[in-house]
Amino acid sequence: MISISSAMQQDAIKELLEGYGEGDFTYSFKEKKGIKMFFEVTGDPEAAAAKAKALIKAQPWGSVLYFQSVPA
């Protein structure tokens, strides 16, 4: 499981990660607590958190977004 903490673009992050179907990881949204969103992942949580961060940063809005992506 990983957590993504972001005050903004939460719906876009959720849609991005749940729609990701390439590579070694799949992301499944589980719950939201405050600004934290929790996702079940397949594979290594450390690597999945790093990939989620890279996917978010690659978006036009991601380069200016303040967020944290860590194993939960």
PDB file of N, CA and C in Angstrom:
ATOM      1  N   MET A   1       0.849  -1.175   0.000  1.00  0.00           N
ATOM      2  CA  MET A   1       0.000   0.000   0.000  1.00  0.00           C
ATOM      3  C   MET A   1       0.893   1.235   0.000  1.00  0.00           C
ATOM      4  N   ILE A   2       0.456   2.273  -0.733  1.00  0.00           N
ATOM      5  CA  ILE A   2       1.165   3.547  -0.732  1.00  0.00           C
ATOM      6  C   ILE A   2       0.184   4.649  -0.362  1.00  0.00           C
ATOM      7  N   SER A   3       0.729   5.776   0.063  1.00  0.00           N
ATOM      8  CA  SER A   3      -0.111   6.945   0.312  1.00  0.00           C
ATOM      9  C   SER A   3       0.422   8.111  -0.505  1.00  0.00           C
ATOM     10  N   ILE A   4      -0.509   8.882  -1.026  1.00  0.00           N
ATOM     11  CA  ILE A   4      -0.199  10.105  -1.752  1.00  0.00           C
ATOM     12  C   ILE A   4      -0.835  11.231  -0.959  1.00  0.00           C
ATOM     13  N   SER A   5      -0.030  12.190  -0.530  1.00  0.00           N
ATOM     14  CA  SER A   5      -0.535  13.346   0.206  1.00  0.00           C
ATOM     15  C   SER A   5      -0.497  14.558  -0.711  1.00  0.00           C
ATOM     16  N   SER A   6      -1.659  15.143  -0.949  1.00  0.00           N
ATOM     17  CA  SER A   6      -1.749  16.329  -1.793  1.00  0.00           C
ATOM     18  C   SER A   6      -3.044  17.058  -1.463  1.00  0.00           C
ATOM     19  N   ALA A   7      -2.946  18.360  -1.311  1.00  0.00           N
ATOM     20  CA  ALA A   7      -4.136  19.152  -1.026  1.00  0.00           C
ATOM     21  C   ALA A   7      -4.909  19.478  -2.303  1.00  0.00           C
ATOM     22  N   MET A   8      -4.236  19.392  -3.452  1.00  0.00           N
ATOM     23  CA  MET A   8      -4.861  19.748  -4.723  1.00  0.00           C
ATOM     24  C   MET A   8      -4.756  18.591  -5.715  1.00  0.00           C
ATOM     25  N   GLN A   9      -5.602  18.632  -6.731  1.00  0.00           N
ATOM     26  CA  GLN A   9      -5.586  17.670  -7.840  1.00  0.00           C
ATOM     27  C   GLN A   9      -5.821  16.223  -7.397  1.00  0.00           C
ATOM     28  N   GLN A  10      -6.535  16.020  -6.319  1.00  0.00           N
ATOM     29  CA  GLN A  10      -6.745  14.655  -5.819  1.00  0.00           C
ATOM     30  C   GLN A  10      -7.519  13.794  -6.808  1.00  0.00           C
ATOM     31  N   ASP A  11      -8.550  14.354  -7.423  1.00  0.00           N
ATOM     32  CA  ASP A  11      -9.319  13.573  -8.395  1.00  0.00           C
ATOM     33  C   ASP A  11      -8.461  13.205  -9.599  1.00  0.00           C
ATOM     34  N   ALA A  12      -7.627  14.137 -10.046  1.00  0.00           N
ATOM     35  CA  ALA A  12      -6.751  13.879 -11.190  1.00  0.00           C
ATOM     36  C   ALA A  12      -5.714  12.812 -10.853  1.00  0.00           C
ATOM     37  N   ILE A  13      -5.172  12.845  -9.644  1.00  0.00           N
ATOM     38  CA  ILE A  13      -4.193  11.840  -9.216  1.00  0.00           C
ATOM     39  C   ILE A  13      -4.852  10.466  -9.157  1.00  0.00           C
ATOM     40  N   LYS A  14      -6.028  10.408  -8.570  1.00  0.00           N
ATOM     41  CA  LYS A  14      -6.758   9.139  -8.468  1.00  0.00           C
ATOM     42  C   LYS A  14      -7.030   8.565  -9.856  1.00  0.00           C
ATOM     43  N   GLU A  15      -7.510   9.396 -10.770  1.00  0.00           N
ATOM     44  CA  GLU A  15      -7.806   8.953 -12.136  1.00  0.00           C
ATOM     45  C   GLU A  15      -6.537   8.497 -12.855  1.00  0.00           C
ATOM     46  N   LEU A  16      -5.457   9.239 -12.687  1.00  0.00           N
ATOM     47  CA  LEU A  16      -4.183   8.898 -13.321  1.00  0.00           C
ATOM     48  C   LEU A  16      -3.673   7.539 -12.861  1.00  0.00           C
ATOM     49  N   LEU A  17      -3.628   7.325 -11.555  1.00  0.00           N
ATOM     50  CA  LEU A  17      -3.063   6.080 -11.033  1.00  0.00           C
ATOM     51  C   LEU A  17      -3.961   4.878 -11.300  1.00  0.00           C
ATOM     52  N   GLU A  18      -5.262   5.042 -11.150  1.00  0.00           N
ATOM     53  CA  GLU A  18      -6.161   3.915 -11.414  1.00  0.00           C
ATOM     54  C   GLU A  18      -6.197   3.559 -12.898  1.00  0.00           C
ATOM     55  N   GLY A  19      -5.899   4.523 -13.761  1.00  0.00           N
ATOM     56  CA  GLY A  19      -5.890   4.277 -15.196  1.00  0.00           C
ATOM     57  C   GLY A  19      -4.568   3.754 -15.723  1.00  0.00           C
ATOM     58  N   TYR A  20      -3.556   3.702 -14.863  1.00  0.00           N
ATOM     59  CA  TYR A  20      -2.234   3.244 -15.289  1.00  0.00           C
ATOM     60  C   TYR A  20      -2.257   1.730 -15.457  1.00  0.00           C
ATOM     61  N   GLY A  21      -1.920   1.270 -16.653  1.00  0.00           N
ATOM     62  CA  GLY A  21      -1.967  -0.164 -16.910  1.00  0.00           C
ATOM     63  C   GLY A  21      -0.700  -0.712 -17.525  1.00  0.00           C
ATOM     64  N   GLU A  22       0.355   0.068 -17.522  1.00  0.00           N
ATOM     65  CA  GLU A  22       1.616  -0.369 -18.112  1.00  0.00           C
ATOM     66  C   GLU A  22       2.579  -0.776 -17.001  1.00  0.00           C
ATOM     67  N   GLY A  23       3.638  -1.450 -17.368  1.00  0.00           N
ATOM     68  CA  GLY A  23       4.680  -1.746 -16.397  1.00  0.00           C
ATOM     69  C   GLY A  23       4.292  -2.792 -15.373  1.00  0.00           C
ATOM     70  N   ASP A  24       4.962  -2.749 -14.238  1.00  0.00           N
ATOM     71  CA  ASP A  24       4.851  -3.782 -13.212  1.00  0.00           C
ATOM     72  C   ASP A  24       3.825  -3.486 -12.126  1.00  0.00           C
ATOM     73  N   PHE A  25       3.183  -2.324 -12.166  1.00  0.00           N
ATOM     74  CA  PHE A  25       2.336  -1.914 -11.055  1.00  0.00           C
ATOM     75  C   PHE A  25       0.895  -1.677 -11.485  1.00  0.00           C
ATOM     76  N   THR A  26      -0.019  -1.965 -10.577  1.00  0.00           N
ATOM     77  CA  THR A  26      -1.401  -1.513 -10.703  1.00  0.00           C
ATOM     78  C   THR A  26      -1.747  -0.811  -9.397  1.00  0.00           C
ATOM     79  N   TYR A  27      -2.560   0.219  -9.501  1.00  0.00           N
ATOM     80  CA  TYR A  27      -2.955   1.023  -8.352  1.00  0.00           C
ATOM     81  C   TYR A  27      -4.468   0.946  -8.194  1.00  0.00           C
ATOM     82  N   SER A  28      -4.907   0.669  -6.981  1.00  0.00           N
ATOM     83  CA  SER A  28      -6.333   0.584  -6.691  1.00  0.00           C
ATOM     84  C   SER A  28      -6.638   1.477  -5.486  1.00  0.00           C
ATOM     85  N   PHE A  29      -7.452   2.513  -5.707  1.00  0.00           N
ATOM     86  CA  PHE A  29      -7.792   3.448  -4.640  1.00  0.00           C
ATOM     87  C   PHE A  29      -8.555   2.733  -3.535  1.00  0.00           C
ATOM     88  N   LYS A  30      -8.151   2.961  -2.276  1.00  0.00           N
ATOM     89  CA  LYS A  30      -8.811   2.324  -1.134  1.00  0.00           C
ATOM     90  C   LYS A  30      -9.566   3.316  -0.261  1.00  0.00           C
ATOM     91  N   GLU A  31      -8.895   4.394   0.163  1.00  0.00           N
ATOM     92  CA  GLU A  31      -9.571   5.344   1.044  1.00  0.00           C
ATOM     93  C   GLU A  31      -8.860   6.683   1.049  1.00  0.00           C
ATOM     94  N   LYS A  32      -9.566   7.672   1.581  1.00  0.00           N
ATOM     95  CA  LYS A  32      -9.029   9.021   1.710  1.00  0.00           C
ATOM     96  C   LYS A  32      -9.192   9.457   3.155  1.00  0.00           C
ATOM     97  N   LYS A  33      -8.113   9.974   3.737  1.00  0.00           N
ATOM     98  CA  LYS A  33      -8.149  10.523   5.095  1.00  0.00           C
ATOM     99  C   LYS A  33      -7.493  11.895   5.047  1.00  0.00           C
ATOM    100  N   GLY A  34      -8.286  12.942   5.146  1.00  0.00           N
ATOM    101  CA  GLY A  34      -7.744  14.289   5.043  1.00  0.00           C
ATOM    102  C   GLY A  34      -7.163  14.512   3.657  1.00  0.00           C
ATOM    103  N   ILE A  35      -5.885  14.884   3.600  1.00  0.00           N
ATOM    104  CA  ILE A  35      -5.245  15.085   2.298  1.00  0.00           C
ATOM    105  C   ILE A  35      -4.526  13.829   1.807  1.00  0.00           C
ATOM    106  N   LYS A  36      -4.590  12.752   2.574  1.00  0.00           N
ATOM    107  CA  LYS A  36      -3.926  11.504   2.183  1.00  0.00           C
ATOM    108  C   LYS A  36      -4.888  10.585   1.445  1.00  0.00           C
ATOM    109  N   MET A  37      -4.395  10.038   0.340  1.00  0.00           N
ATOM    110  CA  MET A  37      -5.134   9.026  -0.407  1.00  0.00           C
ATOM    111  C   MET A  37      -4.320   7.741  -0.342  1.00  0.00           C
ATOM    112  N   PHE A  38      -4.981   6.638  -0.088  1.00  0.00           N
ATOM    113  CA  PHE A  38      -4.304   5.353   0.033  1.00  0.00           C
ATOM    114  C   PHE A  38      -4.656   4.464  -1.154  1.00  0.00           C
ATOM    115  N   PHE A  39      -3.628   3.830  -1.713  1.00  0.00           N
ATOM    116  CA  PHE A  39      -3.789   2.951  -2.865  1.00  0.00           C
ATOM    117  C   PHE A  39      -3.161   1.601  -2.563  1.00  0.00           C
ATOM    118  N   GLU A  40      -3.890   0.526  -2.881  1.00  0.00           N
ATOM    119  CA  GLU A  40      -3.306  -0.816  -2.870  1.00  0.00           C
ATOM    120  C   GLU A  40      -2.498  -0.934  -4.149  1.00  0.00           C
ATOM    121  N   VAL A  41      -1.321  -1.545  -4.061  1.00  0.00           N
ATOM    122  CA  VAL A  41      -0.470  -1.690  -5.241  1.00  0.00           C
ATOM    123  C   VAL A  41      -0.030  -3.135  -5.395  1.00  0.00           C
ATOM    124  N   THR A  42       0.250  -3.500  -6.637  1.00  0.00           N
ATOM    125  CA  THR A  42       0.885  -4.789  -6.883  1.00  0.00           C
ATOM    126  C   THR A  42       2.377  -4.517  -6.977  1.00  0.00           C
ATOM    127  N   GLY A  43       3.169  -5.467  -6.576  1.00  0.00           N
ATOM    128  CA  GLY A  43       4.616  -5.278  -6.629  1.00  0.00           C
ATOM    129  C   GLY A  43       5.149  -4.602  -5.383  1.00  0.00           C
ATOM    130  N   ASP A  44       6.380  -4.156  -5.476  1.00  0.00           N
ATOM    131  CA  ASP A  44       7.102  -3.535  -4.368  1.00  0.00           C
ATOM    132  C   ASP A  44       6.537  -2.146  -4.059  1.00  0.00           C
ATOM    133  N   PRO A  45       6.082  -1.891  -2.824  1.00  0.00           N
ATOM    134  CA  PRO A  45       5.515  -0.580  -2.486  1.00  0.00           C
ATOM    135  C   PRO A  45       6.500   0.582  -2.661  1.00  0.00           C
ATOM    136  N   GLU A  46       7.780   0.360  -2.354  1.00  0.00           N
ATOM    137  CA  GLU A  46       8.787   1.420  -2.525  1.00  0.00           C
ATOM    138  C   GLU A  46       8.874   1.836  -3.988  1.00  0.00           C
ATOM    139  N   ALA A  47       8.979   0.844  -4.870  1.00  0.00           N
ATOM    140  CA  ALA A  47       9.086   1.118  -6.302  1.00  0.00           C
ATOM    141  C   ALA A  47       7.776   1.682  -6.846  1.00  0.00           C
ATOM    142  N   ALA A  48       6.650   1.198  -6.338  1.00  0.00           N
ATOM    143  CA  ALA A  48       5.346   1.700  -6.784  1.00  0.00           C
ATOM    144  C   ALA A  48       5.158   3.164  -6.387  1.00  0.00           C
ATOM    145  N   ALA A  49       5.629   3.546  -5.197  1.00  0.00           N
ATOM    146  CA  ALA A  49       5.544   4.938  -4.756  1.00  0.00           C
ATOM    147  C   ALA A  49       6.413   5.828  -5.636  1.00  0.00           C
ATOM    148  N   ALA A  50       7.605   5.352  -5.984  1.00  0.00           N
ATOM    149  CA  ALA A  50       8.502   6.116  -6.855  1.00  0.00           C
ATOM    150  C   ALA A  50       7.891   6.278  -8.248  1.00  0.00           C
ATOM    151  N   LYS A  51       7.278   5.225  -8.773  1.00  0.00           N
ATOM    152  CA  LYS A  51       6.646   5.293 -10.094  1.00  0.00           C
ATOM    153  C   LYS A  51       5.454   6.238 -10.066  1.00  0.00           C
ATOM    154  N   ALA A  52       4.663   6.198  -8.994  1.00  0.00           N
ATOM    155  CA  ALA A  52       3.522   7.110  -8.863  1.00  0.00           C
ATOM    156  C   ALA A  52       4.004   8.557  -8.875  1.00  0.00           C
ATOM    157  N   LYS A  53       5.089   8.828  -8.174  1.00  0.00           N
ATOM    158  CA  LYS A  53       5.650  10.180  -8.147  1.00  0.00           C
ATOM    159  C   LYS A  53       6.070  10.610  -9.545  1.00  0.00           C
ATOM    160  N   ALA A  54       6.735   9.707 -10.278  1.00  0.00           N
ATOM    161  CA  ALA A  54       7.173  10.022 -11.641  1.00  0.00           C
ATOM    162  C   ALA A  54       5.980  10.265 -12.563  1.00  0.00           C
ATOM    163  N   LEU A  55       4.928   9.455 -12.418  1.00  0.00           N
ATOM    164  CA  LEU A  55       3.732   9.633 -13.247  1.00  0.00           C
ATOM    165  C   LEU A  55       3.069  10.983 -12.987  1.00  0.00           C
ATOM    166  N   ILE A  56       2.979  11.362 -11.722  1.00  0.00           N
ATOM    167  CA  ILE A  56       2.353  12.641 -11.365  1.00  0.00           C
ATOM    168  C   ILE A  56       3.198  13.802 -11.871  1.00  0.00           C
ATOM    169  N   LYS A  57       4.516  13.729 -11.676  1.00  0.00           N
ATOM    170  CA  LYS A  57       5.422  14.795 -12.125  1.00  0.00           C
ATOM    171  C   LYS A  57       5.388  14.970 -13.639  1.00  0.00           C
ATOM    172  N   ALA A  58       5.074  13.902 -14.380  1.00  0.00           N
ATOM    173  CA  ALA A  58       5.049  13.957 -15.844  1.00  0.00           C
ATOM    174  C   ALA A  58       3.813  14.679 -16.387  1.00  0.00           C
ATOM    175  N   GLN A  59       2.815  14.903 -15.543  1.00  0.00           N
ATOM    176  CA  GLN A  59       1.603  15.594 -15.978  1.00  0.00           C
ATOM    177  C   GLN A  59       1.869  17.096 -16.080  1.00  0.00           C
ATOM    178  N   PRO A  60       1.122  17.806 -16.941  1.00  0.00           N
ATOM    179  CA  PRO A  60       1.319  19.258 -17.060  1.00  0.00           C
ATOM    180  C   PRO A  60       1.142  19.990 -15.729  1.00  0.00           C
ATOM    181  N   TRP A  61       0.226  19.510 -14.897  1.00  0.00           N
ATOM    182  CA  TRP A  61      -0.021  20.135 -13.596  1.00  0.00           C
ATOM    183  C   TRP A  61       0.882  19.566 -12.503  1.00  0.00           C
ATOM    184  N   GLY A  62       1.550  18.460 -12.768  1.00  0.00           N
ATOM    185  CA  GLY A  62       2.339  17.773 -11.751  1.00  0.00           C
ATOM    186  C   GLY A  62       3.648  18.441 -11.389  1.00  0.00           C
ATOM    187  N   SER A  63       4.224  19.190 -12.329  1.00  0.00           N
ATOM    188  CA  SER A  63       5.526  19.797 -12.061  1.00  0.00           C
ATOM    189  C   SER A  63       5.442  20.932 -11.041  1.00  0.00           C
ATOM    190  N   VAL A  64       4.260  21.494 -10.846  1.00  0.00           N
ATOM    191  CA  VAL A  64       4.097  22.592  -9.885  1.00  0.00           C
ATOM    192  C   VAL A  64       3.316  22.168  -8.643  1.00  0.00           C
ATOM    193  N   LEU A  65       2.976  20.886  -8.572  1.00  0.00           N
ATOM    194  CA  LEU A  65       2.165  20.374  -7.472  1.00  0.00           C
ATOM    195  C   LEU A  65       3.052  19.949  -6.304  1.00  0.00           C
ATOM    196  N   TYR A  66       2.677  20.373  -5.092  1.00  0.00           N
ATOM    197  CA  TYR A  66       3.386  19.927  -3.894  1.00  0.00           C
ATOM    198  C   TYR A  66       2.666  18.688  -3.376  1.00  0.00           C
ATOM    199  N   PHE A  67       3.365  17.553  -3.369  1.00  0.00           N
ATOM    200  CA  PHE A  67       2.763  16.304  -2.912  1.00  0.00           C
ATOM    201  C   PHE A  67       3.851  15.379  -2.389  1.00  0.00           C
ATOM    202  N   GLN A  68       3.409  14.309  -1.731  1.00  0.00           N
ATOM    203  CA  GLN A  68       4.321  13.298  -1.198  1.00  0.00           C
ATOM    204  C   GLN A  68       3.773  11.929  -1.566  1.00  0.00           C
ATOM    205  N   SER A  69       4.664  11.055  -2.030  1.00  0.00           N
ATOM    206  CA  SER A  69       4.295   9.691  -2.402  1.00  0.00           C
ATOM    207  C   SER A  69       5.212   8.736  -1.649  1.00  0.00           C
ATOM    208  N   VAL A  70       4.636   7.962  -0.706  1.00  0.00           N
ATOM    209  CA  VAL A  70       5.441   7.071   0.137  1.00  0.00           C
ATOM    210  C   VAL A  70       4.717   5.749   0.376  1.00  0.00           C
ATOM    211  N   PRO A  71       5.473   4.690   0.682  1.00  0.00           N
ATOM    212  CA  PRO A  71       4.813   3.441   1.096  1.00  0.00           C
ATOM    213  C   PRO A  71       4.048   3.684   2.395  1.00  0.00           C
ATOM    214  N   ALA A  72       2.891   3.078   2.523  1.00  0.00           N
ATOM    215  CA  ALA A  72       2.072   3.294   3.726  1.00  0.00           C
ATOM    216  C   ALA A  72       2.287   2.188   4.735  1.00  0.00           C
TER     217      ALA A  72
END
